[in-house]
Amino acid sequence: RETKQCMLVQIGYQPNFDAVKRELTKYGKIPHGQWRKAFKQAFPTSDGKGPIGVADASWVAPGGRVNFPYVEGGGGGEFFIWAVYGFHGSWRWLVEVK
């Protein structure tokens, strides 16, 4: 078992996943994607305020497509999304506090 202190960060529109990661490192460390499960357990009900991403793109689909996990607004379903899109300002990101 491990304990980490994390926070949610909004970084506004970002044109690509590399820009997301670059901005997030200003706030702390990007946690491993598995931390989405701990987040979902702590906040099981969606707050309806937009998706919460974990910028760990270590999931590779059989065709080579790189994905990262996210949770629907504060505890909704868990999903994976392709890491090639731009990201609108309503995205929130899980960041491990330094």
C-alpha atoms as a PDB file:
ATOM      1  CA  ARG A   1       0.000   0.000   0.000  1.00  0.00           C
ATOM      2  CA  GLU A   2       1.086   3.519  -0.779  1.00  0.00           C
ATOM      3  CA  THR A   3      -0.237   6.947   0.089  1.00  0.00           C
ATOM      4  CA  LYS A   4       0.251   9.973  -2.124  1.00  0.00           C
ATOM      5  CA  GLN A   5      -1.007  13.501  -1.931  1.00  0.00           C
ATOM      6  CA  CYS A   6      -2.494  14.652  -5.214  1.00  0.00           C
ATOM      7  CA  MET A   7      -4.437  17.622  -6.462  1.00  0.00           C
ATOM      8  CA  LEU A   8      -6.529  18.441  -9.502  1.00  0.00           C
ATOM      9  CA  VAL A   9      -5.121  21.065 -11.830  1.00  0.00           C
ATOM     10  CA  GLN A  10      -6.795  22.928 -14.694  1.00  0.00           C
ATOM     11  CA  ILE A  11      -4.313  24.174 -17.274  1.00  0.00           C
ATOM     12  CA  GLY A  12      -6.641  25.564 -19.940  1.00  0.00           C
ATOM     13  CA  TYR A  13      -6.620  24.556 -23.592  1.00  0.00           C
ATOM     14  CA  GLN A  14      -3.574  22.566 -24.664  1.00  0.00           C
ATOM     15  CA  PRO A  15      -2.901  21.764 -28.340  1.00  0.00           C
ATOM     16  CA  ASN A  16      -1.483  18.275 -27.708  1.00  0.00           C
ATOM     17  CA  PHE A  17      -0.508  15.738 -25.071  1.00  0.00           C
ATOM     18  CA  ASP A  18       3.130  16.895 -24.887  1.00  0.00           C
ATOM     19  CA  ALA A  19       1.913  20.400 -24.001  1.00  0.00           C
ATOM     20  CA  VAL A  20      -0.310  18.901 -21.279  1.00  0.00           C
ATOM     21  CA  LYS A  21       2.631  17.054 -19.702  1.00  0.00           C
ATOM     22  CA  ARG A  22       4.885  20.104 -19.922  1.00  0.00           C
ATOM     23  CA  GLU A  23       2.305  22.283 -18.129  1.00  0.00           C
ATOM     24  CA  LEU A  24       1.574  19.691 -15.445  1.00  0.00           C
ATOM     25  CA  THR A  25       5.227  19.370 -14.404  1.00  0.00           C
ATOM     26  CA  LYS A  26       4.991  22.994 -13.198  1.00  0.00           C
ATOM     27  CA  TYR A  27       2.587  21.756 -10.481  1.00  0.00           C
ATOM     28  CA  GLY A  28       4.103  18.425  -9.505  1.00  0.00           C
ATOM     29  CA  LYS A  29       4.754  14.921 -10.724  1.00  0.00           C
ATOM     30  CA  ILE A  30       2.500  13.059 -13.134  1.00  0.00           C
ATOM     31  CA  PRO A  31       1.282   9.970 -11.247  1.00  0.00           C
ATOM     32  CA  HIS A  32       1.012   6.494 -12.737  1.00  0.00           C
ATOM     33  CA  GLY A  33      -2.308   5.825 -14.405  1.00  0.00           C
ATOM     34  CA  GLN A  34      -3.300   3.284 -11.778  1.00  0.00           C
ATOM     35  CA  TRP A  35      -3.925   6.165  -9.364  1.00  0.00           C
ATOM     36  CA  ARG A  36      -7.179   6.795 -11.221  1.00  0.00           C
ATOM     37  CA  LYS A  37      -8.580   3.839  -9.294  1.00  0.00           C
ATOM     38  CA  ALA A  38      -7.705   5.401  -5.922  1.00  0.00           C
ATOM     39  CA  PHE A  39      -9.208   8.689  -7.089  1.00  0.00           C
ATOM     40  CA  LYS A  40     -12.386   6.953  -8.225  1.00  0.00           C
ATOM     41  CA  GLN A  41     -12.634   5.101  -4.908  1.00  0.00           C
ATOM     42  CA  ALA A  42     -12.245   8.360  -2.942  1.00  0.00           C
ATOM     43  CA  PHE A  43     -14.715  10.228  -5.191  1.00  0.00           C
ATOM     44  CA  PRO A  44     -17.204   7.645  -6.479  1.00  0.00           C
ATOM     45  CA  THR A  45     -19.842  10.104  -7.736  1.00  0.00           C
ATOM     46  CA  SER A  46     -19.383  12.354 -10.775  1.00  0.00           C
ATOM     47  CA  ASP A  47     -19.343  16.079 -10.053  1.00  0.00           C
ATOM     48  CA  GLY A  48     -20.297  16.858 -13.665  1.00  0.00           C
ATOM     49  CA  LYS A  49     -17.457  19.353 -14.098  1.00  0.00           C
ATOM     50  CA  GLY A  50     -15.605  17.579 -16.898  1.00  0.00           C
ATOM     51  CA  PRO A  51     -13.084  14.795 -17.336  1.00  0.00           C
ATOM     52  CA  ILE A  52     -10.147  14.117 -15.016  1.00  0.00           C
ATOM     53  CA  GLY A  53      -7.074  12.852 -16.818  1.00  0.00           C
ATOM     54  CA  VAL A  54      -3.974  11.071 -15.591  1.00  0.00           C
ATOM     55  CA  ALA A  55      -1.280  12.064 -18.085  1.00  0.00           C
ATOM     56  CA  ASP A  56       0.421   8.663 -18.073  1.00  0.00           C
ATOM     57  CA  ALA A  57       0.289   7.484 -21.685  1.00  0.00           C
ATOM     58  CA  SER A  58       1.667   4.024 -21.012  1.00  0.00           C
ATOM     59  CA  TRP A  59      -1.265   2.059 -22.445  1.00  0.00           C
ATOM     60  CA  VAL A  60      -0.567   0.933 -25.995  1.00  0.00           C
ATOM     61  CA  ALA A  61      -3.340  -0.651 -28.063  1.00  0.00           C
ATOM     62  CA  PRO A  62      -2.555  -3.603 -30.373  1.00  0.00           C
ATOM     63  CA  GLY A  63      -2.285  -1.255 -33.392  1.00  0.00           C
ATOM     64  CA  GLY A  64       0.326   0.904 -31.609  1.00  0.00           C
ATOM     65  CA  ARG A  65      -2.093   3.635 -30.549  1.00  0.00           C
ATOM     66  CA  VAL A  66      -0.923   5.281 -27.297  1.00  0.00           C
ATOM     67  CA  ASN A  67      -3.663   5.975 -24.716  1.00  0.00           C
ATOM     68  CA  PHE A  68      -3.985   7.482 -21.264  1.00  0.00           C
ATOM     69  CA  PRO A  69      -6.663   6.929 -18.585  1.00  0.00           C
ATOM     70  CA  TYR A  70      -9.293   9.351 -17.423  1.00  0.00           C
ATOM     71  CA  VAL A  71     -12.314   9.412 -15.146  1.00  0.00           C
ATOM     72  CA  GLU A  72     -15.562  11.115 -16.080  1.00  0.00           C
ATOM     73  CA  GLY A  73     -15.918  14.242 -13.908  1.00  0.00           C
ATOM     74  CA  GLY A  74     -15.101  13.282 -10.338  1.00  0.00           C
ATOM     75  CA  GLY A  75     -15.845   9.603 -10.041  1.00  0.00           C
ATOM     76  CA  GLY A  76     -17.815   8.656 -13.144  1.00  0.00           C
ATOM     77  CA  GLY A  77     -16.722   5.809 -15.410  1.00  0.00           C
ATOM     78  CA  GLU A  78     -13.089   5.011 -16.182  1.00  0.00           C
ATOM     79  CA  PHE A  79     -11.970   5.203 -19.798  1.00  0.00           C
ATOM     80  CA  PHE A  80      -8.877   5.442 -21.999  1.00  0.00           C
ATOM     81  CA  ILE A  81      -8.423   8.009 -24.755  1.00  0.00           C
ATOM     82  CA  TRP A  82      -5.947   8.383 -27.599  1.00  0.00           C
ATOM     83  CA  ALA A  83      -3.151  10.818 -26.702  1.00  0.00           C
ATOM     84  CA  VAL A  84      -3.140  12.775 -29.985  1.00  0.00           C
ATOM     85  CA  TYR A  85      -5.981  15.239 -29.493  1.00  0.00           C
ATOM     86  CA  GLY A  86      -6.001  18.793 -28.218  1.00  0.00           C
ATOM     87  CA  PHE A  87      -7.575  19.285 -24.792  1.00  0.00           C
ATOM     88  CA  HIS A  88     -10.207  21.898 -23.983  1.00  0.00           C
ATOM     89  CA  GLY A  89     -10.061  23.950 -20.801  1.00  0.00           C
ATOM     90  CA  SER A  90     -12.588  21.879 -18.848  1.00  0.00           C
ATOM     91  CA  TRP A  91     -10.122  18.986 -18.503  1.00  0.00           C
ATOM     92  CA  ARG A  92      -8.721  18.576 -14.994  1.00  0.00           C
ATOM     93  CA  TRP A  93      -5.551  16.606 -14.376  1.00  0.00           C
ATOM     94  CA  LEU A  94      -4.402  14.568 -11.409  1.00  0.00           C
ATOM     95  CA  VAL A  95      -0.950  15.697 -10.231  1.00  0.00           C
ATOM     96  CA  GLU A  96       1.137  14.342  -7.377  1.00  0.00           C
ATOM     97  CA  VAL A  97       2.137  17.199  -5.077  1.00  0.00           C
ATOM     98  CA  LYS A  98       5.910  17.707  -4.803  1.00  0.00           C
END
